[in-house]
C-alpha atoms as a PDB file:
ATOM      1  CA  MET A   1       0.000   0.000   0.000  1.00  0.00           C
ATOM      2  CA  ALA A   2       1.022   3.620  -0.356  1.00  0.00           C
ATOM      3  CA  LEU A   3      -0.010   7.093   0.700  1.00  0.00           C
ATOM      4  CA  GLU A   4       0.215  10.141  -1.570  1.00  0.00           C
ATOM      5  CA  VAL A   5       1.301  13.302   0.253  1.00  0.00           C
ATOM      6  CA  ASN A   6       2.466  16.516  -1.417  1.00  0.00           C
ATOM      7  CA  GLY A   7       3.185  14.681  -4.664  1.00  0.00           C
ATOM      8  CA  ASN A   8       5.285  12.018  -2.922  1.00  0.00           C
ATOM      9  CA  THR A   9       4.456   8.345  -2.569  1.00  0.00           C
ATOM     10  CA  ILE A  10       4.942   7.091   0.988  1.00  0.00           C
ATOM     11  CA  GLU A  11       5.049   3.317   1.439  1.00  0.00           C
ATOM     12  CA  THR A  12       2.770   1.831   4.088  1.00  0.00           C
ATOM     13  CA  THR A  13       2.096  -1.627   5.454  1.00  0.00           C
ATOM     14  CA  ASP A  14      -1.111  -3.511   4.702  1.00  0.00           C
ATOM     15  CA  SER A  15      -2.500  -2.013   7.943  1.00  0.00           C
ATOM     16  CA  GLY A  16      -1.716   1.548   6.813  1.00  0.00           C
ATOM     17  CA  TYR A  17       1.303   2.144   9.071  1.00  0.00           C
ATOM     18  CA  LEU A  18       4.390   3.772   7.567  1.00  0.00           C
ATOM     19  CA  ALA A  19       6.931   1.268   6.295  1.00  0.00           C
ATOM     20  CA  ASP A  20       9.721   3.714   7.242  1.00  0.00           C
ATOM     21  CA  PRO A  21       9.084   5.760  10.419  1.00  0.00           C
ATOM     22  CA  THR A  22      11.834   8.204   9.435  1.00  0.00           C
ATOM     23  CA  ALA A  23       9.826   9.219   6.344  1.00  0.00           C
ATOM     24  CA  TRP A  24       7.207  10.830   8.624  1.00  0.00           C
ATOM     25  CA  ASP A  25       6.462  14.540   8.771  1.00  0.00           C
ATOM     26  CA  GLU A  26       3.499  16.616   9.937  1.00  0.00           C
ATOM     27  CA  ASP A  27       1.878  16.615   6.491  1.00  0.00           C
ATOM     28  CA  ILE A  28       1.969  12.811   6.490  1.00  0.00           C
ATOM     29  CA  ALA A  29       0.457  12.795   9.989  1.00  0.00           C
ATOM     30  CA  LYS A  30      -2.356  15.055   8.779  1.00  0.00           C
ATOM     31  CA  ALA A  31      -3.010  12.773   5.795  1.00  0.00           C
ATOM     32  CA  ILE A  32      -3.134   9.648   7.985  1.00  0.00           C
ATOM     33  CA  ALA A  33      -5.358  11.422  10.530  1.00  0.00           C
ATOM     34  CA  ASP A  34      -7.684  12.554   7.746  1.00  0.00           C
ATOM     35  CA  GLY A  35      -7.966   8.944   6.593  1.00  0.00           C
ATOM     36  CA  GLU A  36      -8.825   7.991  10.182  1.00  0.00           C
ATOM     37  CA  GLY A  37     -11.469  10.735  10.390  1.00  0.00           C
ATOM     38  CA  ILE A  38      -9.512  12.766  12.950  1.00  0.00           C
ATOM     39  CA  GLU A  39      -8.913  16.512  12.873  1.00  0.00           C
ATOM     40  CA  LEU A  40      -5.663  17.108  14.763  1.00  0.00           C
ATOM     41  CA  THR A  41      -5.672  19.540  17.703  1.00  0.00           C
ATOM     42  CA  ASP A  42      -2.863  20.654  20.008  1.00  0.00           C
ATOM     43  CA  LYS A  43      -3.631  17.744  22.345  1.00  0.00           C
ATOM     44  CA  HIS A  44      -3.361  15.280  19.460  1.00  0.00           C
ATOM     45  CA  TRP A  45       0.028  16.764  18.583  1.00  0.00           C
ATOM     46  CA  ASP A  46       1.167  16.465  22.216  1.00  0.00           C
ATOM     47  CA  VAL A  47       0.409  12.736  22.143  1.00  0.00           C
ATOM     48  CA  ILE A  48       1.948  12.258  18.686  1.00  0.00           C
ATOM     49  CA  LYS A  49       5.164  14.072  19.659  1.00  0.00           C
ATOM     50  CA  TYR A  50       5.321  12.111  22.923  1.00  0.00           C
ATOM     51  CA  LEU A  51       4.949   8.776  21.098  1.00  0.00           C
ATOM     52  CA  ARG A  52       7.641   9.707  18.573  1.00  0.00           C
ATOM     53  CA  ASP A  53       9.988  10.924  21.306  1.00  0.00           C
ATOM     54  CA  GLU A  54       9.536   7.687  23.259  1.00  0.00           C
ATOM     55  CA  PHE A  55      10.187   5.601  20.155  1.00  0.00           C
ATOM     56  CA  PHE A  56      13.226   7.448  18.840  1.00  0.00           C
ATOM     57  CA  ASN A  57      14.827   8.549  22.122  1.00  0.00           C
ATOM     58  CA  ASN A  58      13.930   5.689  24.477  1.00  0.00           C
ATOM     59  CA  ASN A  59      15.043   2.473  22.766  1.00  0.00           C
ATOM     60  CA  GLN A  60      11.974   2.248  20.473  1.00  0.00           C
ATOM     61  CA  ASN A  61       9.618   2.273  23.462  1.00  0.00           C
ATOM     62  CA  GLN A  62       5.925   2.188  22.584  1.00  0.00           C
ATOM     63  CA  PRO A  63       4.279   3.060  25.915  1.00  0.00           C
ATOM     64  CA  MET A  64       1.137   1.414  27.150  1.00  0.00           C
ATOM     65  CA  GLU A  65      -1.908   3.518  27.957  1.00  0.00           C
ATOM     66  CA  ARG A  66      -1.215   3.859  31.683  1.00  0.00           C
ATOM     67  CA  GLN A  67       2.210   5.404  31.032  1.00  0.00           C
ATOM     68  CA  LEU A  68       0.809   7.646  28.289  1.00  0.00           C
ATOM     69  CA  LEU A  69      -1.857   8.973  30.697  1.00  0.00           C
ATOM     70  CA  LYS A  70       0.740   9.636  33.391  1.00  0.00           C
ATOM     71  CA  ASP A  71       3.101  11.442  31.022  1.00  0.00           C
ATOM     72  CA  MET A  72       0.352  13.471  29.320  1.00  0.00           C
ATOM     73  CA  GLY A  73      -0.708  14.605  32.801  1.00  0.00           C
ATOM     74  CA  LYS A  74       2.734  16.184  33.172  1.00  0.00           C
ATOM     75  CA  VAL A  75       2.347  17.962  29.840  1.00  0.00           C
ATOM     76  CA  TRP A  76      -1.275  19.045  30.324  1.00  0.00           C
ATOM     77  CA  GLY A  77      -1.084  19.887  34.027  1.00  0.00           C
ATOM     78  CA  ALA A  78      -3.702  17.297  35.020  1.00  0.00           C
ATOM     79  CA  LYS A  79      -3.753  13.566  34.408  1.00  0.00           C
ATOM     80  CA  PRO A  80      -6.307  12.759  31.708  1.00  0.00           C
ATOM     81  CA  SER A  81      -8.679   9.828  32.008  1.00  0.00           C
ATOM     82  CA  SER A  82      -8.766   7.002  29.487  1.00  0.00           C
ATOM     83  CA  LYS A  83     -12.002   8.529  28.222  1.00  0.00           C
ATOM     84  CA  ASP A  84     -10.185  11.818  27.513  1.00  0.00           C
ATOM     85  CA  VAL A  85      -7.558  10.227  25.282  1.00  0.00           C
ATOM     86  CA  TYR A  86     -10.071   7.913  23.597  1.00  0.00           C
ATOM     87  CA  LYS A  87     -11.957  11.059  22.565  1.00  0.00           C
ATOM     88  CA  LEU A  88      -8.765  12.072  20.755  1.00  0.00           C
ATOM     89  CA  PHE A  89      -8.006   8.620  19.318  1.00  0.00           C
ATOM     90  CA  PRO A  90     -11.214   6.521  19.332  1.00  0.00           C
ATOM     91  CA  LEU A  91      -9.487   3.324  18.160  1.00  0.00           C
ATOM     92  CA  ALA A  92      -6.969   3.403  21.063  1.00  0.00           C
ATOM     93  CA  PRO A  93      -4.443   6.151  21.715  1.00  0.00           C
ATOM     94  CA  THR A  94      -1.492   3.776  21.777  1.00  0.00           C
ATOM     95  CA  LYS A  95      -2.524   2.175  18.489  1.00  0.00           C
ATOM     96  CA  GLN A  96      -4.258   4.855  16.406  1.00  0.00           C
ATOM     97  CA  GLY A  97      -1.949   7.513  17.858  1.00  0.00           C
ATOM     98  CA  THR A  98       1.048   5.401  16.921  1.00  0.00           C
ATOM     99  CA  LYS A  99      -0.260   5.060  13.372  1.00  0.00           C
ATOM    100  CA  ILE A 100      -0.674   8.817  12.958  1.00  0.00           C
ATOM    101  CA  ALA A 101       2.763   9.320  14.549  1.00  0.00           C
ATOM    102  CA  GLY A 102       4.223   7.212  11.735  1.00  0.00           C
ATOM    103  CA  LEU A 103       5.536   4.498  14.042  1.00  0.00           C
ATOM    104  CA  PRO A 104       5.430   0.693  13.667  1.00  0.00           C
ATOM    105  CA  GLU A 105       2.200  -1.094  14.496  1.00  0.00           C
ATOM    106  CA  VAL A 106       1.732  -2.136  18.124  1.00  0.00           C
ATOM    107  CA  HIS A 107       0.906  -5.852  18.348  1.00  0.00           C
ATOM    108  CA  ARG A 108       0.272  -6.208  22.075  1.00  0.00           C
ATOM    109  CA  LYS A 109      -3.183  -6.670  23.559  1.00  0.00           C
ATOM    110  CA  GLY A 110      -4.810  -4.477  26.160  1.00  0.00           C
ATOM    111  CA  GLY A 111      -4.253  -0.880  27.150  1.00  0.00           C
ATOM    112  CA  TYR A 112      -2.849  -1.232  30.637  1.00  0.00           C
END
């Protein structure tokens, strides 16, 4: 599969995740989010940047939901509930968020 963004063809997996996470940029994120029916807000970007930072600067860590909630609480000044982040990413923040962040697909089960 492939994604067309700004006249460039970006290779994706059969699930729609980027084949090369380093090919990601904000325009690609917007295109993936659009395909997912999500309009990105500042809070979306906070989660996306957090997921990318964890992956690239913490030994390819893909945090589970509990850790994401804890760390977003530090960024947002109050710990969000699961419901809060599922409003941002209805198909799971650690899975749909990871997809929009251009990172490899998460294959684990559960959110905690």
